[in-house]
Amino acid sequence: MFYKQPQADKILLQHGRPTASILPKCFTVCIWNWQKSKQKPWGEEFKKAAAAADLFLAQEVCSSPQVLEIMEQTPYHWSGAVSFLSRHNSPTGVATGCVARPLKIAFKAGEREPFLRVPKMMLGSLIPLDGERTLLVINIHAINFRGLKSFDTNLKRAAELLLNYSGPVLLGGDFNAWSLKRRRLLHQMARAAGLTEVPFEPDTRTRCLGRPVDYLFVRGLRVKAAGVRVTRGSDHNMLFARVEA
């Protein structure tokens, strides 16, 4: 194994300071794969995105001291699900930032990628809304270099976070749905869970083999606007949506 696995009690992380008690009824969400913050423009582009969003779903988050310092400057409470520790012992996985502290967080580990043998992570956050309502937010980074069976297992584990929850749901992230068969499985899972895909027009989402890899799905929410911001801070473009709960 090239990377260290975190101890069981170190997979879920929380840090940062929330700036609101609840998520606004009308809020903005940003979804962005950070590519481990390797690109020089990442910091400035992230700061601008965080200033425009109430909810942030990030993938390939390598929480080095430098990255953590920038994350701490945002108005968010951060929750993370760690897939592995980098060679410099930086926790790496998915992270969800929100202006309100989640009432509960949980994770599901996906199948392991070959060679590196690290699992992809899914993070569920139960976010407080007005009127004692809650929003279930699921942040996913799906398996990439494995076959359809592993991809299907990954999606089913993500869907398990929806079990026994009847309220509004927001599911987003990097799904690595780069083949027609992967897209079909993704849409099958979404339909079974009562989720609707959010369209982007013009659709300048990052593509692999001609197909978008980043998605946003909702249930019980009204999407008022959605768009893509082209970026040089990562190999993925940012998704934005204005949503009403």
Protein backbone atom coordinates (compact mmCIF):
# COMPACT_ATOMS: atom_id res chain seq x y z
CA MET A 1 0.00 0.00 0.00
CA PHE A 2 1.41 3.37 -1.05
CA TYR A 3 -0.68 5.47 1.31
CA LYS A 4 -1.69 5.10 4.94
CA GLN A 5 -5.21 4.29 5.99
CA PRO A 6 -6.65 6.48 8.76
CA GLN A 7 -7.64 4.91 12.03
CA ALA A 8 -11.36 4.16 12.28
CA ASP A 9 -11.97 7.04 14.69
CA LYS A 10 -10.08 9.46 12.41
CA ILE A 11 -12.13 8.98 9.21
CA LEU A 12 -14.69 11.66 10.07
CA LEU A 13 -13.26 15.13 10.65
CA GLN A 14 -14.87 18.41 11.67
CA HIS A 15 -13.37 21.90 11.90
CA GLY A 16 -14.13 25.53 11.14
CA ARG A 17 -16.70 27.94 12.56
CA PRO A 18 -20.29 28.14 11.26
CA THR A 19 -21.68 31.61 10.68
CA ALA A 20 -25.40 30.73 10.76
CA SER A 21 -27.67 28.50 12.82
CA ILE A 22 -29.56 27.19 9.78
CA LEU A 23 -29.04 26.99 6.03
CA PRO A 24 -31.01 29.80 4.31
CA LYS A 25 -34.25 28.80 2.59
CA CYS A 26 -32.71 29.99 -0.67
CA PHE A 27 -29.05 29.01 -0.84
CA THR A 28 -26.17 28.59 -3.29
CA VAL A 29 -24.22 25.35 -3.58
CA CYS A 30 -20.82 24.87 -5.22
CA ILE A 31 -19.42 21.48 -6.26
CA TRP A 32 -15.73 21.26 -7.11
CA ASN A 33 -13.06 18.58 -7.30
CA TRP A 34 -9.91 20.34 -6.01
CA GLN A 35 -7.36 18.00 -7.64
CA LYS A 36 -5.60 18.04 -4.26
CA SER A 37 -5.04 21.83 -4.64
CA LYS A 38 -2.10 21.16 -6.97
CA GLN A 39 -2.76 24.08 -9.32
CA LYS A 40 -1.35 27.47 -8.35
CA PRO A 41 -4.61 29.44 -8.91
CA TRP A 42 -6.56 27.08 -6.62
CA GLY A 43 -6.43 29.27 -3.49
CA GLU A 44 -7.73 32.48 -5.03
CA GLU A 45 -10.40 30.71 -7.06
CA PHE A 46 -11.56 28.76 -4.01
CA LYS A 47 -11.85 31.94 -1.93
CA LYS A 48 -14.04 33.56 -4.59
CA ALA A 49 -16.25 30.47 -4.84
CA ALA A 50 -16.61 30.19 -1.07
CA ALA A 51 -17.64 33.85 -0.85
CA ALA A 52 -20.50 33.11 -3.27
CA ALA A 53 -21.81 29.85 -1.77
CA ASP A 54 -23.60 28.79 1.42
CA LEU A 55 -22.84 25.12 0.85
CA PHE A 56 -19.67 23.63 -0.65
CA LEU A 57 -19.10 20.02 -1.78
CA ALA A 58 -15.42 19.33 -2.46
CA GLN A 59 -13.63 16.20 -3.65
CA GLU A 60 -9.91 15.32 -3.72
CA VAL A 61 -9.37 17.48 -0.66
CA CYS A 62 -5.81 17.08 0.58
CA SER A 63 -5.86 18.89 3.94
CA SER A 64 -2.29 20.06 4.18
CA PRO A 65 -1.57 22.81 6.74
CA GLN A 66 -1.57 25.37 3.92
CA VAL A 67 -4.94 24.21 2.57
CA LEU A 68 -6.44 24.02 6.06
CA GLU A 69 -5.40 27.61 6.70
CA ILE A 70 -7.33 28.75 3.63
CA MET A 71 -10.35 26.57 4.50
CA GLU A 72 -10.45 28.13 7.96
CA GLN A 73 -10.85 31.58 6.39
CA THR A 74 -14.24 30.64 4.92
CA PRO A 75 -17.59 31.14 6.71
CA TYR A 76 -18.08 27.38 6.93
CA HIS A 77 -18.19 24.53 9.33
CA TRP A 78 -16.29 21.76 7.54
CA SER A 79 -16.99 18.03 7.72
CA GLY A 80 -14.69 15.52 6.04
CA ALA A 81 -14.50 11.82 5.26
CA VAL A 82 -10.87 10.73 4.93
CA SER A 83 -9.97 8.13 2.31
CA PHE A 84 -6.23 8.00 3.04
CA LEU A 85 -3.29 9.90 4.47
CA SER A 86 -0.87 11.30 1.91
CA ARG A 87 2.86 10.70 2.06
CA HIS A 88 3.02 13.87 4.14
CA ASN A 89 0.27 12.55 6.45
CA SER A 90 -2.32 15.02 5.14
CA PRO A 91 -5.90 13.66 5.35
CA THR A 92 -7.30 13.26 1.83
CA GLY A 93 -10.91 12.61 0.82
CA VAL A 94 -14.16 14.56 0.48
CA ALA A 95 -15.21 17.61 2.48
CA THR A 96 -18.50 19.47 2.86
CA GLY A 97 -18.56 23.07 4.03
CA CYS A 98 -21.73 24.78 5.24
CA VAL A 99 -22.57 28.07 6.92
CA ALA A 100 -24.57 26.00 9.45
CA ARG A 101 -23.22 23.16 11.57
CA PRO A 102 -24.71 19.78 10.55
CA LEU A 103 -26.87 17.96 13.04
CA LYS A 104 -25.30 14.65 12.04
CA ILE A 105 -22.65 13.32 9.68
CA ALA A 106 -21.99 9.80 8.39
CA PHE A 107 -19.83 8.19 5.74
CA LYS A 108 -19.79 5.21 3.42
CA ALA A 109 -16.56 3.82 1.99
CA GLY A 110 -16.65 2.81 -1.65
CA GLU A 111 -14.67 0.16 -3.47
CA ARG A 112 -10.88 0.48 -3.48
CA GLU A 113 -9.01 1.80 -6.48
CA PRO A 114 -6.41 -0.59 -7.94
CA PHE A 115 -2.69 -0.19 -7.23
CA LEU A 116 -3.08 2.52 -4.57
CA ARG A 117 -5.71 0.41 -2.78
CA VAL A 118 -7.54 3.41 -1.31
CA PRO A 119 -11.35 3.60 -1.02
CA LYS A 120 -13.44 6.40 -2.46
CA MET A 121 -15.58 8.18 0.12
CA MET A 122 -19.19 9.35 0.43
CA LEU A 123 -20.14 11.83 3.15
CA GLY A 124 -23.68 12.45 4.34
CA SER A 125 -24.56 15.61 6.30
CA LEU A 126 -27.91 16.42 7.87
CA ILE A 127 -28.21 20.21 7.65
CA PRO A 128 -30.76 22.24 9.68
CA LEU A 129 -33.31 24.33 7.77
CA ASP A 130 -36.03 26.68 8.98
CA GLY A 131 -39.15 25.32 10.64
CA GLU A 132 -37.28 22.39 12.19
CA ARG A 133 -36.77 20.91 8.72
CA THR A 134 -33.55 19.25 7.59
CA LEU A 135 -31.68 18.79 4.33
CA LEU A 136 -29.67 15.64 3.62
CA VAL A 137 -26.52 16.50 1.67
CA ILE A 138 -24.49 13.67 0.13
CA ASN A 139 -21.02 14.40 -1.22
CA ILE A 140 -19.54 11.64 -3.37
CA HIS A 141 -16.31 10.85 -5.16
CA ALA A 142 -17.07 7.67 -7.09
CA ILE A 143 -14.75 4.86 -8.04
CA ASN A 144 -12.82 5.50 -11.26
CA PHE A 145 -10.39 2.76 -12.32
CA ARG A 146 -12.56 -0.27 -11.63
CA GLY A 147 -15.27 -2.08 -13.58
CA LEU A 148 -19.04 -1.65 -13.67
CA LYS A 149 -19.67 -3.98 -10.74
CA SER A 150 -17.50 -1.85 -8.43
CA PHE A 151 -19.09 1.33 -9.77
CA ASP A 152 -22.58 -0.07 -9.13
CA THR A 153 -21.57 -1.09 -5.60
CA ASN A 154 -20.25 2.43 -5.03
CA LEU A 155 -23.58 3.96 -6.05
CA LYS A 156 -25.59 1.54 -3.93
CA ARG A 157 -23.53 2.43 -0.86
CA ALA A 158 -24.20 6.10 -1.52
CA ALA A 159 -27.92 5.33 -1.82
CA GLU A 160 -27.80 3.65 1.59
CA LEU A 161 -27.34 7.10 3.11
CA LEU A 162 -30.84 7.91 1.80
CA LEU A 163 -32.53 4.99 3.51
CA ASN A 164 -35.39 5.95 5.85
CA TYR A 165 -35.04 9.65 5.02
CA SER A 166 -38.10 11.26 3.42
CA GLY A 167 -37.03 14.92 3.43
CA PRO A 168 -35.25 17.03 0.80
CA VAL A 169 -31.96 15.71 -0.58
CA LEU A 170 -29.01 17.20 -2.44
CA LEU A 171 -26.55 14.73 -3.96
CA GLY A 172 -23.48 15.99 -5.79
CA GLY A 173 -19.87 15.34 -6.58
CA ASP A 174 -17.46 13.69 -8.98
CA PHE A 175 -19.19 10.53 -10.18
CA ASN A 176 -16.59 9.49 -12.77
CA ALA A 177 -19.48 8.59 -15.08
CA TRP A 178 -17.29 8.57 -18.18
CA SER A 179 -19.00 5.70 -20.05
CA LEU A 180 -22.53 5.20 -21.32
CA LYS A 181 -23.02 2.20 -19.03
CA ARG A 182 -21.83 4.16 -16.00
CA ARG A 183 -24.23 6.99 -16.85
CA ARG A 184 -27.09 4.51 -17.12
CA LEU A 185 -26.33 3.05 -13.70
CA LEU A 186 -26.10 6.54 -12.22
CA HIS A 187 -29.47 7.55 -13.63
CA GLN A 188 -31.03 4.26 -12.51
CA MET A 189 -29.89 4.93 -8.95
CA ALA A 190 -31.16 8.51 -9.11
CA ARG A 191 -34.60 7.46 -10.36
CA ALA A 192 -34.90 4.76 -7.71
CA ALA A 193 -34.16 7.36 -5.02
CA GLY A 194 -36.60 9.91 -6.50
CA LEU A 195 -33.77 12.28 -7.46
CA THR A 196 -33.81 14.70 -10.39
CA GLU A 197 -30.65 15.63 -12.30
CA VAL A 198 -29.88 19.35 -12.45
CA PRO A 199 -29.12 20.47 -16.05
CA PHE A 200 -26.37 22.97 -16.86
CA GLU A 201 -26.61 25.25 -19.89
CA PRO A 202 -24.22 25.96 -21.45
CA ASP A 203 -22.82 22.66 -20.26
CA THR A 204 -19.10 23.30 -19.83
CA ARG A 205 -18.64 20.63 -17.16
CA THR A 206 -15.35 18.75 -17.21
CA ARG A 207 -15.56 15.73 -19.48
CA CYS A 208 -13.82 12.40 -19.86
CA LEU A 209 -14.31 10.48 -23.11
CA GLY A 210 -16.81 13.16 -24.09
CA ARG A 211 -19.08 12.71 -21.05
CA PRO A 212 -19.43 14.92 -17.96
CA VAL A 213 -18.11 13.47 -14.71
CA ASP A 214 -19.52 15.95 -12.17
CA TYR A 215 -23.24 15.97 -11.34
CA LEU A 216 -25.86 17.47 -9.06
CA PHE A 217 -29.13 15.74 -8.17
CA VAL A 218 -31.96 17.01 -5.95
CA ARG A 219 -35.18 15.81 -4.36
CA GLY A 220 -37.77 18.05 -2.75
CA LEU A 221 -35.87 21.20 -3.77
CA ARG A 222 -36.49 23.89 -6.38
CA VAL A 223 -33.50 24.78 -8.53
CA LYS A 224 -33.75 28.44 -9.55
CA ALA A 225 -30.52 28.66 -11.55
CA ALA A 226 -27.48 26.54 -12.38
CA GLY A 227 -24.21 27.21 -14.14
CA VAL A 228 -20.59 26.16 -14.59
CA ARG A 229 -17.53 28.28 -13.86
CA VAL A 230 -14.49 27.41 -15.95
CA THR A 231 -11.41 27.36 -13.76
CA ARG A 232 -7.63 27.04 -13.90
CA GLY A 233 -7.44 26.05 -10.23
CA SER A 234 -8.17 22.37 -10.91
CA ASP A 235 -8.68 19.89 -13.72
CA HIS A 236 -12.43 20.10 -12.91
CA ASN A 237 -14.69 23.08 -13.51
CA MET A 238 -16.97 24.33 -10.71
CA LEU A 239 -20.72 23.65 -10.61
CA PHE A 240 -22.99 26.27 -9.03
CA ALA A 241 -26.71 26.13 -8.34
CA ARG A 242 -29.16 28.45 -6.64
CA VAL A 243 -31.61 26.28 -4.73
CA GLU A 244 -34.77 26.89 -2.70
CA ALA A 245 -35.75 24.48 0.08
